[in-house]
Amino acid sequence: MAGLRTQVCDAVSRIVQEALVNVRKHSGASHVHVQFDRGDAGWRLIIDDDGRGFPFSGCLSLMDLDAEGKGPVVIKECVRLMSGDLRLESISRRGSRLEIMIPQKRPAFLWISKGLI
């Protein structure tokens, strides 16, 4: 994860840990795929499983999840701390896909105001 600040690396690790615990506890999945890569706009973390999915079907953004009071609270909090974006896709009894985008560059005031420096 070269090029990422320690705090962002910690948040990404926490997201993966929380997602895998949630998959184990709630999904009944037999397979989980974790992908972390870098694109032009930033970093992308994808976690796919073949479990039950969430108690809704469709694709929701972080804003949608907040408005409806849905989604994994710890993961949403970590995404916000990184000024990232989140999409959660769920298909009942066919699994879920969590996609998180982390921008490469953030204004310095975001890092200071969120205590990440």
C-alpha atoms as a PDB file:
ATOM      1  CA  MET A   1       0.000   0.000   0.000  1.00  0.00           C
ATOM      2  CA  ALA A   2       2.847   2.324  -0.893  1.00  0.00           C
ATOM      3  CA  GLY A   3       1.754   5.912  -1.214  1.00  0.00           C
ATOM      4  CA  LEU A   4      -0.912   5.740   1.490  1.00  0.00           C
ATOM      5  CA  ARG A   5      -0.594   7.421   4.854  1.00  0.00           C
ATOM      6  CA  THR A   6      -0.377   5.156   7.889  1.00  0.00           C
ATOM      7  CA  GLN A   7      -3.804   6.281   9.092  1.00  0.00           C
ATOM      8  CA  VAL A   8      -5.399   5.408   5.758  1.00  0.00           C
ATOM      9  CA  CYS A   9      -3.684   2.001   5.782  1.00  0.00           C
ATOM     10  CA  ASP A  10      -5.064   1.439   9.281  1.00  0.00           C
ATOM     11  CA  ALA A  11      -8.574   2.381   8.138  1.00  0.00           C
ATOM     12  CA  VAL A  12      -8.367   0.060   5.108  1.00  0.00           C
ATOM     13  CA  SER A  13      -7.170  -2.783   7.350  1.00  0.00           C
ATOM     14  CA  ARG A  14     -10.040  -2.108   9.760  1.00  0.00           C
ATOM     15  CA  ILE A  15     -12.557  -2.157   6.889  1.00  0.00           C
ATOM     16  CA  VAL A  16     -11.261  -5.496   5.590  1.00  0.00           C
ATOM     17  CA  GLN A  17     -11.244  -6.959   9.105  1.00  0.00           C
ATOM     18  CA  GLU A  18     -14.796  -5.768   9.814  1.00  0.00           C
ATOM     19  CA  ALA A  19     -16.063  -6.968   6.423  1.00  0.00           C
ATOM     20  CA  LEU A  20     -14.578 -10.443   6.886  1.00  0.00           C
ATOM     21  CA  VAL A  21     -16.015 -10.730  10.404  1.00  0.00           C
ATOM     22  CA  ASN A  22     -19.420  -9.674   9.055  1.00  0.00           C
ATOM     23  CA  VAL A  23     -19.210 -12.204   6.215  1.00  0.00           C
ATOM     24  CA  ARG A  24     -18.320 -14.983   8.669  1.00  0.00           C
ATOM     25  CA  LYS A  25     -21.027 -14.053  11.188  1.00  0.00           C
ATOM     26  CA  HIS A  26     -23.928 -13.125   8.939  1.00  0.00           C
ATOM     27  CA  SER A  27     -23.628 -14.163   5.309  1.00  0.00           C
ATOM     28  CA  GLY A  28     -23.208 -17.921   5.193  1.00  0.00           C
ATOM     29  CA  ALA A  29     -20.803 -17.361   2.287  1.00  0.00           C
ATOM     30  CA  SER A  30     -18.493 -20.086   1.082  1.00  0.00           C
ATOM     31  CA  HIS A  31     -16.264 -17.682  -0.868  1.00  0.00           C
ATOM     32  CA  VAL A  32     -14.998 -14.145  -0.305  1.00  0.00           C
ATOM     33  CA  HIS A  33     -12.868 -12.176  -2.736  1.00  0.00           C
ATOM     34  CA  VAL A  34     -10.890  -9.140  -1.559  1.00  0.00           C
ATOM     35  CA  GLN A  35      -9.276  -6.858  -4.142  1.00  0.00           C
ATOM     36  CA  PHE A  36      -7.264  -3.700  -3.507  1.00  0.00           C
ATOM     37  CA  ASP A  37      -5.846  -1.734  -6.425  1.00  0.00           C
ATOM     38  CA  ARG A  38      -4.870   1.727  -7.551  1.00  0.00           C
ATOM     39  CA  GLY A  39      -6.380   3.684 -10.407  1.00  0.00           C
ATOM     40  CA  ASP A  40      -6.046   7.207 -11.764  1.00  0.00           C
ATOM     41  CA  ALA A  41      -8.496   8.695  -9.251  1.00  0.00           C
ATOM     42  CA  GLY A  42      -7.297   6.801  -6.204  1.00  0.00           C
ATOM     43  CA  TRP A  43      -7.416   3.460  -4.463  1.00  0.00           C
ATOM     44  CA  ARG A  44     -10.229   0.933  -4.762  1.00  0.00           C
ATOM     45  CA  LEU A  45     -11.159  -1.793  -2.291  1.00  0.00           C
ATOM     46  CA  ILE A  46     -13.669  -4.442  -3.330  1.00  0.00           C
ATOM     47  CA  ILE A  47     -15.019  -7.190  -1.102  1.00  0.00           C
ATOM     48  CA  ASP A  48     -17.322  -9.725  -2.784  1.00  0.00           C
ATOM     49  CA  ASP A  49     -19.034 -12.690  -1.166  1.00  0.00           C
ATOM     50  CA  ASP A  50     -21.461 -15.360  -2.310  1.00  0.00           C
ATOM     51  CA  GLY A  51     -23.598 -15.378   0.845  1.00  0.00           C
ATOM     52  CA  ARG A  52     -27.147 -14.349   1.681  1.00  0.00           C
ATOM     53  CA  GLY A  53     -26.678 -10.668   0.973  1.00  0.00           C
ATOM     54  CA  PHE A  54     -28.095  -7.847   3.048  1.00  0.00           C
ATOM     55  CA  PRO A  55     -31.796  -7.543   3.929  1.00  0.00           C
ATOM     56  CA  PHE A  56     -32.342  -5.474   0.763  1.00  0.00           C
ATOM     57  CA  SER A  57     -31.673  -5.931  -2.931  1.00  0.00           C
ATOM     58  CA  GLY A  58     -30.025  -3.268  -5.019  1.00  0.00           C
ATOM     59  CA  CYS A  59     -27.044  -0.955  -5.037  1.00  0.00           C
ATOM     60  CA  LEU A  60     -26.828   1.835  -2.458  1.00  0.00           C
ATOM     61  CA  SER A  61     -24.304   4.627  -1.996  1.00  0.00           C
ATOM     62  CA  LEU A  62     -22.988   5.791   1.368  1.00  0.00           C
ATOM     63  CA  MET A  63     -25.526   8.611   1.303  1.00  0.00           C
ATOM     64  CA  ASP A  64     -28.363   6.166   0.492  1.00  0.00           C
ATOM     65  CA  LEU A  65     -27.276   3.802   3.269  1.00  0.00           C
ATOM     66  CA  ASP A  66     -27.218   6.654   5.777  1.00  0.00           C
ATOM     67  CA  ALA A  67     -30.615   7.960   4.679  1.00  0.00           C
ATOM     68  CA  GLU A  68     -32.175   4.504   5.049  1.00  0.00           C
ATOM     69  CA  GLY A  69     -30.280   3.577   8.233  1.00  0.00           C
ATOM     70  CA  LYS A  70     -28.698   0.554   6.561  1.00  0.00           C
ATOM     71  CA  GLY A  71     -25.233  -0.844   6.090  1.00  0.00           C
ATOM     72  CA  PRO A  72     -22.218  -1.690   8.232  1.00  0.00           C
ATOM     73  CA  VAL A  73     -21.700   1.187  10.693  1.00  0.00           C
ATOM     74  CA  VAL A  74     -17.969   0.678  11.354  1.00  0.00           C
ATOM     75  CA  ILE A  75     -17.171   0.449   7.652  1.00  0.00           C
ATOM     76  CA  LYS A  76     -19.197   3.566   6.839  1.00  0.00           C
ATOM     77  CA  GLU A  77     -17.375   5.470   9.588  1.00  0.00           C
ATOM     78  CA  CYS A  78     -13.943   4.436   8.264  1.00  0.00           C
ATOM     79  CA  VAL A  79     -14.908   5.450   4.722  1.00  0.00           C
ATOM     80  CA  ARG A  80     -15.998   8.880   5.942  1.00  0.00           C
ATOM     81  CA  LEU A  81     -12.702   9.371   7.829  1.00  0.00           C
ATOM     82  CA  MET A  82     -10.815   8.828   4.563  1.00  0.00           C
ATOM     83  CA  SER A  83     -13.159  11.121   2.596  1.00  0.00           C
ATOM     84  CA  GLY A  84     -13.928   8.055   0.526  1.00  0.00           C
ATOM     85  CA  ASP A  85     -16.982   6.798  -1.280  1.00  0.00           C
ATOM     86  CA  LEU A  86     -18.870   3.554  -0.768  1.00  0.00           C
ATOM     87  CA  ARG A  87     -21.245   1.469  -2.852  1.00  0.00           C
ATOM     88  CA  LEU A  88     -22.931  -1.596  -1.429  1.00  0.00           C
ATOM     89  CA  GLU A  89     -24.623  -3.995  -3.801  1.00  0.00           C
ATOM     90  CA  SER A  90     -26.745  -6.789  -2.394  1.00  0.00           C
ATOM     91  CA  ILE A  91     -28.697  -9.500  -4.153  1.00  0.00           C
ATOM     92  CA  SER A  92     -30.782 -11.644  -1.837  1.00  0.00           C
ATOM     93  CA  ARG A  93     -29.340 -15.161  -1.508  1.00  0.00           C
ATOM     94  CA  ARG A  94     -26.665 -14.367  -4.105  1.00  0.00           C
ATOM     95  CA  GLY A  95     -24.228 -12.296  -2.077  1.00  0.00           C
ATOM     96  CA  SER A  96     -22.991  -8.783  -1.674  1.00  0.00           C
ATOM     97  CA  ARG A  97     -20.318  -6.519  -3.082  1.00  0.00           C
ATOM     98  CA  LEU A  98     -18.742  -3.684  -1.151  1.00  0.00           C
ATOM     99  CA  GLU A  99     -16.785  -1.182  -3.253  1.00  0.00           C
ATOM    100  CA  ILE A 100     -14.857   1.614  -1.595  1.00  0.00           C
ATOM    101  CA  MET A 101     -13.052   4.389  -3.433  1.00  0.00           C
ATOM    102  CA  ILE A 102     -10.321   6.291  -1.595  1.00  0.00           C
ATOM    103  CA  PRO A 103      -9.116   9.488  -3.271  1.00  0.00           C
ATOM    104  CA  GLN A 104      -5.346   9.832  -3.691  1.00  0.00           C
ATOM    105  CA  LYS A 105      -5.197  13.471  -2.772  1.00  0.00           C
ATOM    106  CA  ARG A 106      -7.114  15.283  -0.085  1.00  0.00           C
ATOM    107  CA  PRO A 107      -6.919  18.910   0.937  1.00  0.00           C
ATOM    108  CA  ALA A 108      -4.649  19.295   3.973  1.00  0.00           C
ATOM    109  CA  PHE A 109      -7.492  20.760   6.048  1.00  0.00           C
ATOM    110  CA  LEU A 110      -9.383  17.442   5.839  1.00  0.00           C
ATOM    111  CA  TRP A 111      -6.446  15.560   7.336  1.00  0.00           C
ATOM    112  CA  ILE A 112      -5.999  18.133  10.089  1.00  0.00           C
ATOM    113  CA  SER A 113      -9.708  18.523  10.877  1.00  0.00           C
ATOM    114  CA  LYS A 114     -10.219  14.773  11.091  1.00  0.00           C
ATOM    115  CA  GLY A 115      -7.114  14.229  13.181  1.00  0.00           C
ATOM    116  CA  LEU A 116      -5.358  12.154  10.550  1.00  0.00           C
ATOM    117  CA  ILE A 117      -2.048  14.013  10.531  1.00  0.00           C
END
